[in-house]
PDB file of N, CA and C in Angstrom:
ATOM      1  N   MET A   1       0.605  -1.391   0.338  1.00  0.00           N
ATOM      2  CA  MET A   1      -0.159   0.107   0.052  1.00  0.00           C
ATOM      3  C   MET A   1       0.730   1.414  -0.307  1.00  0.00           C
ATOM      4  N   THR A   2       0.276   2.233  -0.645  1.00  0.00           N
ATOM      5  CA  THR A   2       1.200   4.029  -1.090  1.00  0.00           C
ATOM      6  C   THR A   2       0.413   4.298   0.433  1.00  0.00           C
ATOM      7  N   PRO A   3       1.476   5.345   0.917  1.00  0.00           N
ATOM      8  CA  PRO A   3       0.564   6.001   1.911  1.00  0.00           C
ATOM      9  C   PRO A   3       0.370   7.370   0.967  1.00  0.00           C
ATOM     10  N   ILE A   4      -1.088   7.678   1.153  1.00  0.00           N
ATOM     11  CA  ILE A   4      -1.655   9.249   0.943  1.00  0.00           C
ATOM     12  C   ILE A   4      -1.545  10.182   2.514  1.00  0.00           C
ATOM     13  N   LEU A   5      -0.668  11.455   1.620  1.00  0.00           N
ATOM     14  CA  LEU A   5      -0.871  12.202   2.699  1.00  0.00           C
ATOM     15  C   LEU A   5      -1.849  13.221   2.285  1.00  0.00           C
ATOM     16  N   PHE A   6      -2.220  13.690   3.573  1.00  0.00           N
ATOM     17  CA  PHE A   6      -3.636  14.789   3.565  1.00  0.00           C
ATOM     18  C   PHE A   6      -3.472  15.971   4.509  1.00  0.00           C
ATOM     19  N   PHE A   7      -3.136  17.214   4.123  1.00  0.00           N
ATOM     20  CA  PHE A   7      -2.980  18.373   4.539  1.00  0.00           C
ATOM     21  C   PHE A   7      -4.235  19.611   4.034  1.00  0.00           C
ATOM     22  N   GLY A   8      -3.957  20.544   5.152  1.00  0.00           N
ATOM     23  CA  GLY A   8      -4.878  21.515   5.154  1.00  0.00           C
ATOM     24  C   GLY A   8      -6.078  20.917   5.407  1.00  0.00           C
ATOM     25  N   ARG A   9      -7.388  21.873   5.176  1.00  0.00           N
ATOM     26  CA  ARG A   9      -8.957  21.401   5.046  1.00  0.00           C
ATOM     27  C   ARG A   9      -9.303  19.210   4.684  1.00  0.00           C
ATOM     28  N   VAL A  10      -7.993  19.202   3.570  1.00  0.00           N
ATOM     29  CA  VAL A  10      -7.896  17.825   3.009  1.00  0.00           C
ATOM     30  C   VAL A  10      -8.081  16.902   4.468  1.00  0.00           C
ATOM     31  N   GLY A  11      -6.688  17.082   5.489  1.00  0.00           N
ATOM     32  CA  GLY A  11      -6.381  16.287   6.502  1.00  0.00           C
ATOM     33  C   GLY A  11      -7.363  16.502   7.763  1.00  0.00           C
ATOM     34  N   GLU A  12      -7.871  17.463   7.687  1.00  0.00           N
ATOM     35  CA  GLU A  12      -8.489  17.976   8.522  1.00  0.00           C
ATOM     36  C   GLU A  12      -9.935  17.202   8.486  1.00  0.00           C
ATOM     37  N   ARG A  13     -10.305  16.412   6.775  1.00  0.00           N
ATOM     38  CA  ARG A  13     -11.690  15.653   6.621  1.00  0.00           C
ATOM     39  C   ARG A  13     -11.124  14.182   6.715  1.00  0.00           C
ATOM     40  N   LEU A  14     -10.466  14.824   6.283  1.00  0.00           N
ATOM     41  CA  LEU A  14      -9.572  12.747   6.110  1.00  0.00           C
ATOM     42  C   LEU A  14      -8.746  11.852   6.891  1.00  0.00           C
ATOM     43  N   GLY A  15      -8.125  13.482   7.818  1.00  0.00           N
ATOM     44  CA  GLY A  15      -7.026  12.965   8.420  1.00  0.00           C
ATOM     45  C   GLY A  15      -5.615  13.379   8.073  1.00  0.00           C
ATOM     46  N   PRO A  16      -4.437  12.636   8.604  1.00  0.00           N
ATOM     47  CA  PRO A  16      -3.356  13.166   8.414  1.00  0.00           C
ATOM     48  C   PRO A  16      -2.853  12.004   7.222  1.00  0.00           C
ATOM     49  N   GLU A  17      -3.378  10.833   6.896  1.00  0.00           N
ATOM     50  CA  GLU A  17      -2.732  10.046   6.373  1.00  0.00           C
ATOM     51  C   GLU A  17      -3.743   8.900   5.952  1.00  0.00           C
ATOM     52  N   GLY A  18      -3.823   8.451   4.370  1.00  0.00           N
ATOM     53  CA  GLY A  18      -4.298   7.370   4.067  1.00  0.00           C
ATOM     54  C   GLY A  18      -3.668   6.244   3.014  1.00  0.00           C
ATOM     55  N   SER A  19      -4.103   4.986   3.091  1.00  0.00           N
ATOM     56  CA  SER A  19      -3.778   3.979   1.935  1.00  0.00           C
ATOM     57  C   SER A  19      -4.116   3.854   0.681  1.00  0.00           C
ATOM     58  N   PHE A  20      -3.307   3.633  -0.474  1.00  0.00           N
ATOM     59  CA  PHE A  20      -4.020   2.976  -1.585  1.00  0.00           C
ATOM     60  C   PHE A  20      -3.067   2.280  -2.153  1.00  0.00           C
ATOM     61  N   ASP A  21      -3.274   1.054  -3.354  1.00  0.00           N
ATOM     62  CA  ASP A  21      -3.158   0.182  -3.537  1.00  0.00           C
ATOM     63  C   ASP A  21      -2.250   0.727  -4.817  1.00  0.00           C
ATOM     64  N   LEU A  22      -1.643   1.242  -5.450  1.00  0.00           N
ATOM     65  CA  LEU A  22      -1.042   1.526  -6.570  1.00  0.00           C
ATOM     66  C   LEU A  22      -0.488   0.346  -7.427  1.00  0.00           C
ATOM     67  N   PRO A  23      -1.086   0.026  -8.789  1.00  0.00           N
ATOM     68  CA  PRO A  23      -0.626  -0.644  -9.606  1.00  0.00           C
ATOM     69  C   PRO A  23       0.645  -0.902 -10.260  1.00  0.00           C
ATOM     70  N   SER A  24       1.535  -0.879 -10.582  1.00  0.00           N
ATOM     71  CA  SER A  24       2.953  -1.095 -10.513  1.00  0.00           C
ATOM     72  C   SER A  24       3.520  -0.095 -11.625  1.00  0.00           C
ATOM     73  N   GLU A  25       2.294  -0.157 -12.208  1.00  0.00           N
ATOM     74  CA  GLU A  25       2.284   0.681 -13.610  1.00  0.00           C
ATOM     75  C   GLU A  25       1.658   2.448 -13.262  1.00  0.00           C
ATOM     76  N   GLY A  26       1.700   2.094 -11.959  1.00  0.00           N
ATOM     77  CA  GLY A  26       1.574   3.916 -11.405  1.00  0.00           C
ATOM     78  C   GLY A  26      -0.601   4.426 -11.979  1.00  0.00           C
ATOM     79  N   LEU A  27      -0.565   5.497 -11.703  1.00  0.00           N
ATOM     80  CA  LEU A  27      -1.639   5.630 -11.860  1.00  0.00           C
ATOM     81  C   LEU A  27      -1.581   7.131 -11.762  1.00  0.00           C
ATOM     82  N   THR A  28      -2.676   7.977 -12.921  1.00  0.00           N
ATOM     83  CA  THR A  28      -2.402   9.824 -12.838  1.00  0.00           C
ATOM     84  C   THR A  28      -3.043   9.961 -11.413  1.00  0.00           C
ATOM     85  N   VAL A  29      -2.685  11.385 -11.253  1.00  0.00           N
ATOM     86  CA  VAL A  29      -3.145  11.843 -10.071  1.00  0.00           C
ATOM     87  C   VAL A  29      -4.418  12.153  -9.890  1.00  0.00           C
ATOM     88  N   ARG A  30      -5.459  11.926 -11.148  1.00  0.00           N
ATOM     89  CA  ARG A  30      -6.849  12.391 -11.568  1.00  0.00           C
ATOM     90  C   ARG A  30      -7.110  11.178 -11.025  1.00  0.00           C
ATOM     91  N   GLU A  31      -6.688  10.141 -11.749  1.00  0.00           N
ATOM     92  CA  GLU A  31      -6.946   8.712 -11.511  1.00  0.00           C
ATOM     93  C   GLU A  31      -7.291   8.209 -10.106  1.00  0.00           C
ATOM     94  N   ILE A  32      -6.393   9.240  -9.041  1.00  0.00           N
ATOM     95  CA  ILE A  32      -6.272   8.386  -7.933  1.00  0.00           C
ATOM     96  C   ILE A  32      -7.170   9.323  -7.112  1.00  0.00           C
ATOM     97  N   ARG A  33      -7.508  10.663  -7.305  1.00  0.00           N
ATOM     98  CA  ARG A  33      -7.991  11.344  -6.579  1.00  0.00           C
ATOM     99  C   ARG A  33      -9.543  10.689  -7.659  1.00  0.00           C
ATOM    100  N   ASN A  34     -10.204  10.806  -7.916  1.00  0.00           N
ATOM    101  CA  ASN A  34     -11.044  10.090  -8.301  1.00  0.00           C
ATOM    102  C   ASN A  34     -11.437   8.557  -7.212  1.00  0.00           C
ATOM    103  N   LEU A  35     -10.565   7.403  -7.755  1.00  0.00           N
ATOM    104  CA  LEU A  35     -10.496   6.509  -7.018  1.00  0.00           C
ATOM    105  C   LEU A  35     -10.619   6.701  -4.628  1.00  0.00           C
ATOM    106  N   LEU A  36     -10.136   7.726  -4.480  1.00  0.00           N
ATOM    107  CA  LEU A  36     -10.081   7.985  -3.533  1.00  0.00           C
ATOM    108  C   LEU A  36     -11.868   8.437  -2.926  1.00  0.00           C
ATOM    109  N   ALA A  37     -11.865   9.612  -3.784  1.00  0.00           N
ATOM    110  CA  ALA A  37     -13.275   9.768  -4.145  1.00  0.00           C
ATOM    111  C   ALA A  37     -14.667   9.185  -3.683  1.00  0.00           C
ATOM    112  N   GLU A  38     -13.845   7.781  -4.561  1.00  0.00           N
ATOM    113  CA  GLU A  38     -14.760   6.965  -5.043  1.00  0.00           C
ATOM    114  C   GLU A  38     -15.863   6.250  -3.890  1.00  0.00           C
ATOM    115  N   ARG A  39     -14.998   6.108  -2.612  1.00  0.00           N
ATOM    116  CA  ARG A  39     -14.616   5.315  -1.604  1.00  0.00           C
ATOM    117  C   ARG A  39     -15.642   5.754  -0.197  1.00  0.00           C
ATOM    118  N   ASP A  40     -16.423   7.254   0.135  1.00  0.00           N
ATOM    119  CA  ASP A  40     -17.079   8.099   0.235  1.00  0.00           C
ATOM    120  C   ASP A  40     -17.446   9.322   0.302  1.00  0.00           C
ATOM    121  N   GLU A  41     -18.672   9.363   0.510  1.00  0.00           N
ATOM    122  CA  GLU A  41     -18.680  11.483   0.658  1.00  0.00           C
ATOM    123  C   GLU A  41     -18.483  12.145   1.159  1.00  0.00           C
ATOM    124  N   VAL A  42     -17.504  11.618   1.948  1.00  0.00           N
ATOM    125  CA  VAL A  42     -16.600  13.020   3.153  1.00  0.00           C
ATOM    126  C   VAL A  42     -14.564  12.827   1.802  1.00  0.00           C
ATOM    127  N   ALA A  43     -14.643  12.233   1.878  1.00  0.00           N
ATOM    128  CA  ALA A  43     -13.606  11.572   0.761  1.00  0.00           C
ATOM    129  C   ALA A  43     -14.059  12.465  -0.336  1.00  0.00           C
ATOM    130  N   ALA A  44     -15.268  12.615  -1.715  1.00  0.00           N
ATOM    131  CA  ALA A  44     -15.618  13.322  -1.746  1.00  0.00           C
ATOM    132  C   ALA A  44     -15.497  14.257  -2.189  1.00  0.00           C
ATOM    133  N   ASP A  45     -16.345  14.797  -0.711  1.00  0.00           N
ATOM    134  CA  ASP A  45     -16.186  16.213  -0.425  1.00  0.00           C
ATOM    135  C   ASP A  45     -14.972  16.744  -0.633  1.00  0.00           C
ATOM    136  N   ALA A  46     -14.026  16.033   0.405  1.00  0.00           N
ATOM    137  CA  ALA A  46     -12.995  16.678   0.507  1.00  0.00           C
ATOM    138  C   ALA A  46     -11.504  16.567  -0.982  1.00  0.00           C
ATOM    139  N   LEU A  47     -11.937  15.922  -2.080  1.00  0.00           N
ATOM    140  CA  LEU A  47     -10.915  15.626  -2.629  1.00  0.00           C
ATOM    141  C   LEU A  47     -11.671  16.404  -3.907  1.00  0.00           C
ATOM    142  N   LEU A  48     -12.301  16.505  -4.206  1.00  0.00           N
ATOM    143  CA  LEU A  48     -13.000  16.858  -5.578  1.00  0.00           C
ATOM    144  C   LEU A  48     -13.177  18.817  -5.499  1.00  0.00           C
ATOM    145  N   ARG A  49     -12.864  18.877  -4.861  1.00  0.00           N
ATOM    146  CA  ARG A  49     -12.685  20.647  -4.543  1.00  0.00           C
ATOM    147  C   ARG A  49     -12.017  21.563  -5.667  1.00  0.00           C
ATOM    148  N   PRO A  50     -12.634  22.537  -6.562  1.00  0.00           N
ATOM    149  CA  PRO A  50     -11.465  22.990  -7.600  1.00  0.00           C
ATOM    150  C   PRO A  50     -10.478  23.717  -6.572  1.00  0.00           C
ATOM    151  N   ASP A  51      -9.875  23.419  -5.350  1.00  0.00           N
ATOM    152  CA  ASP A  51      -8.628  24.941  -4.526  1.00  0.00           C
ATOM    153  C   ASP A  51      -8.185  23.519  -4.198  1.00  0.00           C
ATOM    154  N   VAL A  52      -8.081  21.776  -3.968  1.00  0.00           N
ATOM    155  CA  VAL A  52      -7.310  21.047  -3.838  1.00  0.00           C
ATOM    156  C   VAL A  52      -6.199  21.115  -4.453  1.00  0.00           C
ATOM    157  N   ARG A  53      -4.888  20.523  -4.143  1.00  0.00           N
ATOM    158  CA  ARG A  53      -3.870  20.151  -5.273  1.00  0.00           C
ATOM    159  C   ARG A  53      -3.743  19.321  -4.865  1.00  0.00           C
ATOM    160  N   ALA A  54      -2.384  18.671  -5.712  1.00  0.00           N
ATOM    161  CA  ALA A  54      -1.468  17.284  -5.390  1.00  0.00           C
ATOM    162  C   ALA A  54      -0.504  17.947  -5.865  1.00  0.00           C
ATOM    163  N   SER A  55       0.655  16.944  -4.886  1.00  0.00           N
ATOM    164  CA  SER A  55       1.955  16.353  -5.018  1.00  0.00           C
ATOM    165  C   SER A  55       2.350  15.456  -4.953  1.00  0.00           C
ATOM    166  N   VAL A  56       3.534  15.214  -6.010  1.00  0.00           N
ATOM    167  CA  VAL A  56       4.236  14.034  -5.785  1.00  0.00           C
ATOM    168  C   VAL A  56       5.864  14.150  -5.788  1.00  0.00           C
ATOM    169  N   ASP A  57       6.592  13.217  -4.653  1.00  0.00           N
ATOM    170  CA  ASP A  57       7.754  13.151  -4.505  1.00  0.00           C
ATOM    171  C   ASP A  57       8.051  14.983  -3.833  1.00  0.00           C
ATOM    172  N   MET A  58       6.850  15.714  -2.823  1.00  0.00           N
ATOM    173  CA  MET A  58       7.160  16.891  -2.986  1.00  0.00           C
ATOM    174  C   MET A  58       7.127  17.852  -4.262  1.00  0.00           C
ATOM    175  N   VAL A  59       6.589  18.539  -5.041  1.00  0.00           N
ATOM    176  CA  VAL A  59       6.454  18.788  -6.351  1.00  0.00           C
ATOM    177  C   VAL A  59       4.985  18.774  -6.697  1.00  0.00           C
ATOM    178  N   VAL A  60       4.621  19.859  -6.743  1.00  0.00           N
ATOM    179  CA  VAL A  60       2.760  20.600  -7.006  1.00  0.00           C
ATOM    180  C   VAL A  60       3.334  19.367  -8.401  1.00  0.00           C
ATOM    181  N   VAL A  61       2.097  18.434  -8.564  1.00  0.00           N
ATOM    182  CA  VAL A  61       1.383  18.516  -9.911  1.00  0.00           C
ATOM    183  C   VAL A  61       0.682  18.359 -10.396  1.00  0.00           C
ATOM    184  N   SER A  62       0.470  18.288 -12.048  1.00  0.00           N
ATOM    185  CA  SER A  62      -0.832  18.574 -12.934  1.00  0.00           C
ATOM    186  C   SER A  62      -1.773  17.364 -12.794  1.00  0.00           C
ATOM    187  N   GLU A  63      -2.651  17.214 -12.963  1.00  0.00           N
ATOM    188  CA  GLU A  63      -4.068  16.589 -12.962  1.00  0.00           C
ATOM    189  C   GLU A  63      -3.486  15.228 -13.727  1.00  0.00           C
ATOM    190  N   ASP A  64      -2.595  15.012 -14.711  1.00  0.00           N
ATOM    191  CA  ASP A  64      -2.161  13.836 -15.720  1.00  0.00           C
ATOM    192  C   ASP A  64      -1.193  13.730 -14.975  1.00  0.00           C
ATOM    193  N   SER A  65       0.095  13.952 -14.301  1.00  0.00           N
ATOM    194  CA  SER A  65       0.646  13.241 -13.648  1.00  0.00           C
ATOM    195  C   SER A  65       0.699  12.007 -12.686  1.00  0.00           C
ATOM    196  N   LEU A  66       1.909  11.147 -13.561  1.00  0.00           N
ATOM    197  CA  LEU A  66       1.958  10.226 -13.423  1.00  0.00           C
ATOM    198  C   LEU A  66       2.532   9.701 -12.084  1.00  0.00           C
ATOM    199  N   ALA A  67       2.082   8.875 -10.981  1.00  0.00           N
ATOM    200  CA  ALA A  67       3.033   8.598  -9.146  1.00  0.00           C
ATOM    201  C   ALA A  67       2.904   7.316  -9.743  1.00  0.00           C
ATOM    202  N   ARG A  68       3.569   6.583  -9.037  1.00  0.00           N
ATOM    203  CA  ARG A  68       4.166   4.980  -9.350  1.00  0.00           C
ATOM    204  C   ARG A  68       3.920   4.752  -7.489  1.00  0.00           C
ATOM    205  N   PRO A  69       4.185   3.224  -7.355  1.00  0.00           N
ATOM    206  CA  PRO A  69       3.973   3.373  -5.619  1.00  0.00           C
ATOM    207  C   PRO A  69       5.492   3.572  -5.454  1.00  0.00           C
ATOM    208  N   GLY A  70       5.492   3.616  -4.173  1.00  0.00           N
ATOM    209  CA  GLY A  70       6.990   4.298  -2.968  1.00  0.00           C
ATOM    210  C   GLY A  70       7.337   5.701  -3.480  1.00  0.00           C
ATOM    211  N   GLN A  71       6.555   6.349  -3.786  1.00  0.00           N
ATOM    212  CA  GLN A  71       6.872   7.746  -3.989  1.00  0.00           C
ATOM    213  C   GLN A  71       5.312   8.388  -3.465  1.00  0.00           C
ATOM    214  N   GLU A  72       6.284   9.233  -2.660  1.00  0.00           N
ATOM    215  CA  GLU A  72       5.145  10.326  -1.767  1.00  0.00           C
ATOM    216  C   GLU A  72       3.975  10.629  -2.479  1.00  0.00           C
ATOM    217  N   ILE A  73       2.805  10.345  -2.022  1.00  0.00           N
ATOM    218  CA  ILE A  73       2.132  11.399  -2.942  1.00  0.00           C
ATOM    219  C   ILE A  73       0.898  12.258  -1.894  1.00  0.00           C
ATOM    220  N   ALA A  74       0.474  13.637  -1.961  1.00  0.00           N
ATOM    221  CA  ALA A  74      -0.271  14.337  -0.808  1.00  0.00           C
ATOM    222  C   ALA A  74      -1.085  15.141  -2.044  1.00  0.00           C
ATOM    223  N   PHE A  75      -2.428  15.646  -1.184  1.00  0.00           N
ATOM    224  CA  PHE A  75      -2.807  16.391  -1.644  1.00  0.00           C
ATOM    225  C   PHE A  75      -3.417  17.234  -0.384  1.00  0.00           C
ATOM    226  N   PHE A  76      -3.803  18.996  -0.732  1.00  0.00           N
ATOM    227  CA  PHE A  76      -3.941  19.742  -0.140  1.00  0.00           C
ATOM    228  C   PHE A  76      -4.373  20.709  -0.801  1.00  0.00           C
ATOM    229  N   SER A  77      -4.934  21.634   0.380  1.00  0.00           N
ATOM    230  CA  SER A  77      -6.112  22.373  -0.229  1.00  0.00           C
ATOM    231  C   SER A  77      -4.762  24.132   0.140  1.00  0.00           C
ATOM    232  N   LEU A  78      -5.200  24.673  -0.810  1.00  0.00           N
ATOM    233  CA  LEU A  78      -4.031  26.100  -1.399  1.00  0.00           C
ATOM    234  C   LEU A  78      -4.633  26.469   0.225  1.00  0.00           C
ATOM    235  N   PHE A  79      -3.116  27.911   0.766  1.00  0.00           N
ATOM    236  CA  PHE A  79      -3.470  27.907   1.574  1.00  0.00           C
ATOM    237  C   PHE A  79      -3.568  30.099   1.349  1.00  0.00           C
ATOM    238  N   SER A  80      -3.714  30.402   2.118  1.00  0.00           N
ATOM    239  CA  SER A  80      -4.227  32.179   2.111  1.00  0.00           C
ATOM    240  C   SER A  80      -3.078  32.671   2.614  1.00  0.00           C
ATOM    241  N   GLY A  81      -2.329  33.285   2.572  1.00  0.00           N
ATOM    242  CA  GLY A  81      -0.900  34.325   3.130  1.00  0.00           C
ATOM    243  C   GLY A  81      -1.878  35.535   4.051  1.00  0.00           C
ATOM    244  N   GLY A  82      -0.899  35.524   4.865  1.00  0.00           N
ATOM    245  CA  GLY A  82      -1.785  37.402   4.980  1.00  0.00           C
ATOM    246  C   GLY A  82      -0.800  37.839   6.064  1.00  0.00           C
TER     247      GLY A  82
END
């Protein structure tokens, strides 16, 4: 199982960490997001917001970026400065 980290409002809703069984060929961030969202309504509400971004190995990535087992995957809400 690959750990998935959650930060900001996403982490408040889902907890700091979850896990996902990634196939060896990997999945796109979009596919991971959608599969996690299918698990339950709370996950869908937290992950499918337009202000939620993803990172792979601590680099913010697009929805089409590929993530493979062993990489750090995180979802986080945008933070406002001030």
